[in-house]
Each structure stands twice: as structure tokens, then as C-alpha cells.
Amino acid sequence: MTPLRFVRWGALLSLLVPASADAARITGRVDGFRNLLNPVWADARDPKQHGYSFREPVPTVRAEFRRLFPHPPKEICVAAIAATPQKAGGAVEIRVGGGRTTPVTIVVAPGTLLRFQNTDAFRHKLYGVDIKTFQPADTPRGGKREWTVPAPGIFEIRDELAPSLRTWVVAEPNVSAIVYPSQKGDFTLTVAEPGDYTVQAFFAGKKVGPAVPVTVATADVDLSRSPLKVGDERAAAAADKAEAAKEKAAKEAAAAGGEKK
């Protein structure tokens, strides 16, 4: 199969294979992404992390409407996994700015060159968690840092100067194409050749939702009638309930402490 080729990040935030006479599209939609919780947020709410916020919860707003949820165009990566290994494509540019990267999760073939572009007005100090080939080093304003994905696996990139920056690189030998959904969850994958593929969504470096087998012939494939369920609504509701209980207990404890004084 034709190696996966990449273009720079544009407004669509998608990575596509080059068009060819045999190219076909796989369209679909991810659903339930509002129920996903980024690990950065989970860590931030832990009192042991000593994180602080001046935001006050509004009692009249139900917990599910106060829930943080991911931004699909940069945080959810939908990949077409081929039946056979693919060659690494060209370099992929990842923007570093605003305390995060664009994208946050990416799926590439081993051997792919990643180029981190610092778009902030200050330096960053990126490093790979337990990655010997990605040691902490300064990337100045406007600077770039390159790293080649060494082998299959899941790699996490962080920043010593910005704790909120966490990026996940999934090295998948058989990845043929990837794309990032719209804010509504719609996506279109372009595969270069006919064949058997598996459509899989990734979030925070992990697979989310089912793996959907797809056979691509000469016509486009539409999966939108059966959206990829990437988030568990029951689990999210249970988390909201537990969080509301914690908030209530904290308020009661604070009120009781005030009365004793």
C-alpha cells in the first residue's frame, strides 16, 4: 500500500493520504465524546497537586453542564488501520502553544519524524516520559524540535515548564490514514487503496470506542448511521454524581468549621 503522507496542520486539522484514482473516503461520526475526561483535568482536581482555581460552581447549574469535555478537532484522532504494515510518511508538524499541543493525540507509523513548533512568546522544555531519545531541552520562541518515533508503542511528551501540556503519540505500524473530527464529531478518512481496514478512535493515547471493520472497494463507505461511541454516559453520570457529593460534603465541612469558630 502507498505510504501515509502528511500535510501541515491547517484549519481542518486533518492528515490525509494523497489523492489517487483508487482513493476512497470513509465518512462517519464519533458520539459520546462529551463523556471523555482528559487526564490533565483529572490531575488538576486532585488536592495533592496543589492546583487552584478562582472559578466558583453555580448550584443552579446541573453537574453534567459543568463537565469539561474535549475539543474533537485536536484531541480525538480517528485512524484507518490497514491489514498490512505501512511505511512512515513525511514529517508531521505539531504546534506547541497555549499550554497544549495541536494535536494532543496523534497516530503515526514508527519511523515518522515529528517536528514540534513553539508558537508561544516564551520557551518550552519538552521531554518524553521514560524516552531516552527525548530528553528535556529548551525550545525557544519560534523554535523547532525534532524527534523520530522509534518503535511501536505509546509515547507521552510533556513540558517541564507547562504541566498542562501532555501529548500522546501512538506508534501503529499499520496506520494508513488519520483525521480529526469536527466539533460535532463528523469525520472523513481518505484511504489510498482498496482493502480491509479497521476504523479506531484514540483519545489521550488510548483506544476509545469500538474497532469498526471496513472493506473499501471502489465506492465510498458511510458509517454515519452507526456512530462510534467513544464515551460511556453512565460512567460520566456516576462521576458527576460523585463530584457533586464531594462538593456538598466540602461545603458542609466548611460551614461546620465556621460555626465552631
Protein backbone atom coordinates (compact mmCIF):
# COMPACT_ATOMS: atom_id res chain seq x y z
CA MET A 1 0.00 0.00 0.00
CA THR A 2 1.01 3.62 -0.53
CA PRO A 3 2.86 5.13 2.46
CA LEU A 4 0.91 7.53 4.60
CA ARG A 5 1.74 11.11 3.63
CA PHE A 6 1.12 14.14 5.80
CA VAL A 7 0.44 17.82 5.25
CA ARG A 8 0.88 20.71 7.66
CA TRP A 9 -1.81 21.42 10.19
CA GLY A 10 -4.42 23.71 8.68
CA ALA A 11 -7.89 24.85 9.64
CA LEU A 12 -9.27 21.35 9.15
CA LEU A 13 -6.65 19.79 11.40
CA SER A 14 -6.59 16.64 9.31
CA LEU A 15 -3.90 14.43 7.88
CA LEU A 16 -4.69 12.83 4.56
CA VAL A 17 -3.16 10.44 2.06
CA PRO A 18 -2.51 11.81 -1.42
CA ALA A 19 -5.42 11.59 -3.81
CA SER A 20 -5.26 8.84 -6.42
CA ALA A 21 -7.55 7.10 -8.85
CA ASP A 22 -8.15 4.35 -6.27
CA ALA A 23 -8.61 6.66 -3.28
CA ALA A 24 -11.85 6.27 -1.35
CA ARG A 25 -13.43 8.04 1.58
CA ILE A 26 -14.74 6.63 4.84
CA THR A 27 -17.19 9.02 6.43
CA GLY A 28 -18.59 8.69 9.92
CA ARG A 29 -19.22 10.34 13.23
CA VAL A 30 -17.95 9.96 16.79
CA ASP A 31 -20.53 10.19 19.55
CA GLY A 32 -20.30 10.46 23.32
CA PHE A 33 -17.07 12.46 23.31
CA ARG A 34 -18.55 14.85 25.87
CA ASN A 35 -18.20 11.99 28.35
CA LEU A 36 -14.41 11.74 27.94
CA LEU A 37 -12.17 13.22 30.62
CA ASN A 38 -8.67 14.40 29.80
CA PRO A 39 -6.11 13.11 32.36
CA VAL A 40 -4.81 16.68 32.74
CA TRP A 41 -8.16 17.72 34.20
CA ALA A 42 -8.31 14.66 36.44
CA ASP A 43 -4.90 15.52 37.87
CA ALA A 44 -5.81 19.18 38.31
CA ARG A 45 -8.79 18.41 40.55
CA ASP A 46 -6.64 16.31 42.90
CA PRO A 47 -5.89 18.43 46.03
CA LYS A 48 -2.48 16.79 46.29
CA GLN A 49 -1.49 18.52 43.05
CA HIS A 50 -1.99 21.89 44.78
CA GLY A 51 -3.90 23.30 41.83
CA TYR A 52 -6.06 26.35 42.40
CA SER A 53 -8.98 27.90 40.57
CA PHE A 54 -10.98 31.07 41.11
CA ARG A 55 -14.00 29.52 39.41
CA GLU A 56 -17.00 29.02 41.64
CA PRO A 57 -19.51 26.24 40.90
CA VAL A 58 -23.03 27.55 40.37
CA PRO A 59 -25.51 25.45 42.39
CA THR A 60 -28.34 26.11 39.95
CA VAL A 61 -26.38 24.55 37.04
CA ARG A 62 -26.58 20.78 36.94
CA ALA A 63 -23.34 18.83 37.15
CA GLU A 64 -23.48 17.48 33.58
CA PHE A 65 -23.46 21.02 32.21
CA ARG A 66 -20.39 21.92 34.26
CA ARG A 67 -18.47 18.93 32.97
CA LEU A 68 -15.33 19.64 30.95
CA PHE A 69 -15.18 17.84 27.63
CA PRO A 70 -12.54 17.54 24.90
CA HIS A 71 -12.21 19.52 21.69
CA PRO A 72 -12.50 16.84 18.96
CA PRO A 73 -10.57 18.70 16.22
CA LYS A 74 -7.36 18.41 18.24
CA GLU A 75 -7.93 15.75 20.92
CA ILE A 76 -9.68 12.82 19.19
CA CYS A 77 -7.75 11.06 16.45
CA VAL A 78 -9.64 8.68 14.15
CA ALA A 79 -7.39 6.22 12.32
CA ALA A 80 -7.80 3.78 9.46
CA ILE A 81 -5.70 0.74 10.33
CA ALA A 82 -4.74 -1.41 7.35
CA ALA A 83 -4.24 -5.16 7.32
CA THR A 84 -0.54 -4.82 6.50
CA PRO A 85 2.30 -2.61 7.79
CA GLN A 86 2.67 0.86 6.26
CA LYS A 87 5.79 2.90 5.60
CA ALA A 88 6.40 6.10 7.53
CA GLY A 89 5.42 9.22 5.64
CA GLY A 90 6.83 12.72 5.71
CA ALA A 91 7.46 14.92 8.72
CA VAL A 92 4.49 15.93 10.86
CA GLU A 93 4.36 19.38 12.45
CA ILE A 94 2.90 19.66 15.96
CA ARG A 95 2.16 23.13 17.24
CA VAL A 96 3.08 23.96 20.83
CA GLY A 97 1.11 26.88 22.24
CA GLY A 98 -1.34 27.98 24.87
CA GLY A 99 -0.28 25.32 27.34
CA ARG A 100 -1.14 22.48 24.96
CA THR A 101 -0.21 20.99 21.60
CA THR A 102 -2.14 20.65 18.37
CA PRO A 103 -2.87 17.82 18.05
CA VAL A 104 -2.97 16.33 21.55
CA THR A 105 -3.08 12.71 20.39
CA ILE A 106 -1.66 11.50 17.10
CA VAL A 107 -1.33 8.07 15.48
CA VAL A 108 1.65 7.56 13.16
CA ALA A 109 3.80 4.77 11.82
CA PRO A 110 7.11 4.06 13.58
CA GLY A 111 9.93 5.99 11.96
CA THR A 112 7.82 9.13 11.46
CA LEU A 113 9.60 12.42 12.11
CA LEU A 114 7.69 14.77 14.43
CA ARG A 115 8.55 18.46 14.38
CA PHE A 116 7.41 20.44 17.45
CA GLN A 117 6.92 24.14 16.61
CA ASN A 118 6.87 26.58 19.53
CA THR A 119 4.24 29.24 18.72
CA ASP A 120 4.31 30.82 22.19
CA ALA A 121 6.16 34.01 23.12
CA PHE A 122 8.26 32.10 25.64
CA ARG A 123 10.38 28.96 25.74
CA HIS A 124 9.23 25.42 26.38
CA LYS A 125 11.18 22.49 27.78
CA LEU A 126 9.72 19.36 26.22
CA TYR A 127 10.70 15.85 27.19
CA GLY A 128 9.49 12.30 26.66
CA VAL A 129 8.28 10.31 29.66
CA ASP A 130 10.77 7.42 30.01
CA ILE A 131 12.05 8.12 26.48
CA LYS A 132 15.86 8.10 26.32
CA THR A 133 15.89 9.76 22.89
CA PHE A 134 13.74 12.69 24.05
CA GLN A 135 15.50 14.29 27.00
CA PRO A 136 14.49 17.72 28.43
CA ALA A 137 15.74 20.58 26.27
CA ASP A 138 14.76 24.19 25.69
CA THR A 139 12.78 25.17 22.60
CA PRO A 140 12.89 28.97 22.30
CA ARG A 141 10.17 31.22 20.97
CA GLY A 142 9.58 30.34 17.33
CA GLY A 143 11.97 27.41 17.62
CA LYS A 144 11.51 23.82 16.50
CA ARG A 145 12.47 20.49 17.94
CA GLU A 146 12.51 17.22 16.01
CA TRP A 147 12.06 13.66 17.22
CA THR A 148 11.68 10.42 15.28
CA VAL A 149 9.22 7.87 16.66
CA PRO A 150 11.49 4.89 17.40
CA ALA A 151 9.21 1.87 17.58
CA PRO A 152 5.62 0.68 18.02
CA GLY A 153 4.02 1.73 21.30
CA ILE A 154 2.51 4.67 23.13
CA PHE A 155 4.73 7.64 23.97
CA GLU A 156 3.93 10.64 26.14
CA ILE A 157 5.50 14.07 25.67
CA ARG A 158 5.39 16.64 28.49
CA ASP A 159 6.80 20.06 29.31
CA GLU A 160 8.80 20.86 32.45
CA LEU A 161 7.60 24.48 32.25
CA ALA A 162 3.92 23.85 31.48
CA PRO A 163 2.34 20.98 33.47
CA SER A 164 -0.87 21.19 31.43
CA LEU A 165 0.97 20.15 28.27
CA ARG A 166 0.64 16.43 27.69
CA THR A 167 0.84 14.90 24.23
CA TRP A 168 0.38 11.27 23.27
CA VAL A 169 1.98 9.63 20.25
CA VAL A 170 0.59 6.24 19.26
CA ALA A 171 3.04 4.42 17.00
CA GLU A 172 0.95 1.95 14.99
CA PRO A 173 2.75 0.06 12.18
CA ASN A 174 -0.44 -0.45 10.14
CA VAL A 175 -1.87 3.08 10.25
CA SER A 176 -2.88 4.16 6.75
CA ALA A 177 -4.70 7.45 7.35
CA ILE A 178 -5.85 9.63 10.22
CA VAL A 179 -8.25 12.52 10.64
CA TYR A 180 -9.64 14.74 13.38
CA PRO A 181 -13.44 15.12 13.69
CA SER A 182 -15.31 18.39 13.52
CA GLN A 183 -16.71 19.95 16.68
CA LYS A 184 -19.89 17.99 16.02
CA GLY A 185 -17.96 14.73 15.66
CA ASP A 186 -18.17 14.29 11.87
CA PHE A 187 -15.10 12.92 10.09
CA THR A 188 -13.91 11.79 6.67
CA LEU A 189 -10.96 9.46 6.26
CA THR A 190 -9.26 9.15 2.86
CA VAL A 191 -7.54 5.83 2.14
CA ALA A 192 -5.27 5.48 -0.88
CA GLU A 193 -6.12 1.94 -1.90
CA PRO A 194 -8.97 -0.57 -1.66
CA GLY A 195 -8.69 -3.17 1.06
CA ASP A 196 -9.71 -4.18 4.56
CA TYR A 197 -9.36 -1.55 7.27
CA THR A 198 -10.26 -1.05 10.90
CA VAL A 199 -11.54 2.36 11.96
CA GLN A 200 -10.48 3.18 15.52
CA ALA A 201 -10.72 6.36 17.59
CA PHE A 202 -7.96 7.38 20.03
CA PHE A 203 -8.06 9.81 22.96
CA ALA A 204 -5.25 10.65 25.38
CA GLY A 205 -3.14 7.93 23.81
CA LYS A 206 -5.71 5.18 24.29
CA LYS A 207 -8.27 3.46 22.12
CA VAL A 208 -11.80 4.67 22.77
CA GLY A 209 -14.94 3.15 21.35
CA PRO A 210 -15.23 0.03 19.21
CA ALA A 211 -12.91 -1.06 16.43
CA VAL A 212 -15.05 -0.99 13.28
CA PRO A 213 -14.01 -3.29 10.40
CA VAL A 214 -14.47 -1.73 6.95
CA THR A 215 -13.93 -3.12 3.47
CA VAL A 216 -13.14 -0.42 0.94
CA ALA A 217 -13.69 -1.25 -2.73
CA THR A 218 -14.23 1.41 -5.38
CA ALA A 219 -17.08 3.30 -3.69
CA ASP A 220 -17.00 5.48 -0.60
CA VAL A 221 -18.11 3.98 2.73
CA ASP A 222 -20.57 5.74 5.04
CA LEU A 223 -20.52 4.78 8.75
CA SER A 224 -22.50 7.76 9.99
CA ARG A 225 -25.66 5.71 10.61
CA SER A 226 -23.79 3.83 13.33
CA PRO A 227 -21.67 6.46 15.14
CA LEU A 228 -18.55 5.42 17.02
CA LYS A 229 -19.47 5.57 20.70
CA VAL A 230 -16.29 6.83 22.32
CA GLY A 231 -17.59 7.83 25.77
CA ASP A 232 -19.54 5.99 28.48
CA GLU A 233 -22.52 8.11 29.50
CA ARG A 234 -23.26 6.03 32.61
CA ALA A 235 -19.68 6.31 33.86
CA ALA A 236 -19.70 10.06 33.24
CA ALA A 237 -23.01 10.44 35.08
CA ALA A 238 -21.63 8.45 38.01
CA ALA A 239 -18.54 10.69 38.06
CA ASP A 240 -20.78 13.78 38.06
CA LYS A 241 -22.77 12.39 40.96
CA ALA A 242 -19.62 11.62 42.94
CA GLU A 243 -18.21 15.09 42.23
CA ALA A 244 -21.47 16.73 43.34
CA ALA A 245 -21.36 14.70 46.56
CA LYS A 246 -17.77 15.85 47.21
CA GLU A 247 -18.73 19.47 46.67
CA LYS A 248 -21.67 19.12 49.04
CA ALA A 249 -19.51 17.46 51.70
CA ALA A 250 -16.84 20.17 51.35
CA LYS A 251 -19.42 22.93 51.78
CA GLU A 252 -20.93 21.23 54.82
CA ALA A 253 -17.48 20.79 56.36
CA ALA A 254 -16.64 24.43 55.71
CA ALA A 255 -19.95 25.56 57.21
CA ALA A 256 -19.42 23.38 60.28
CA GLY A 257 -15.92 24.80 60.74
CA GLY A 258 -17.29 28.32 60.55
CA GLU A 259 -19.90 27.62 63.21
CA LYS A 260 -17.27 26.26 65.62
CA LYS A 261 -15.31 29.49 65.28
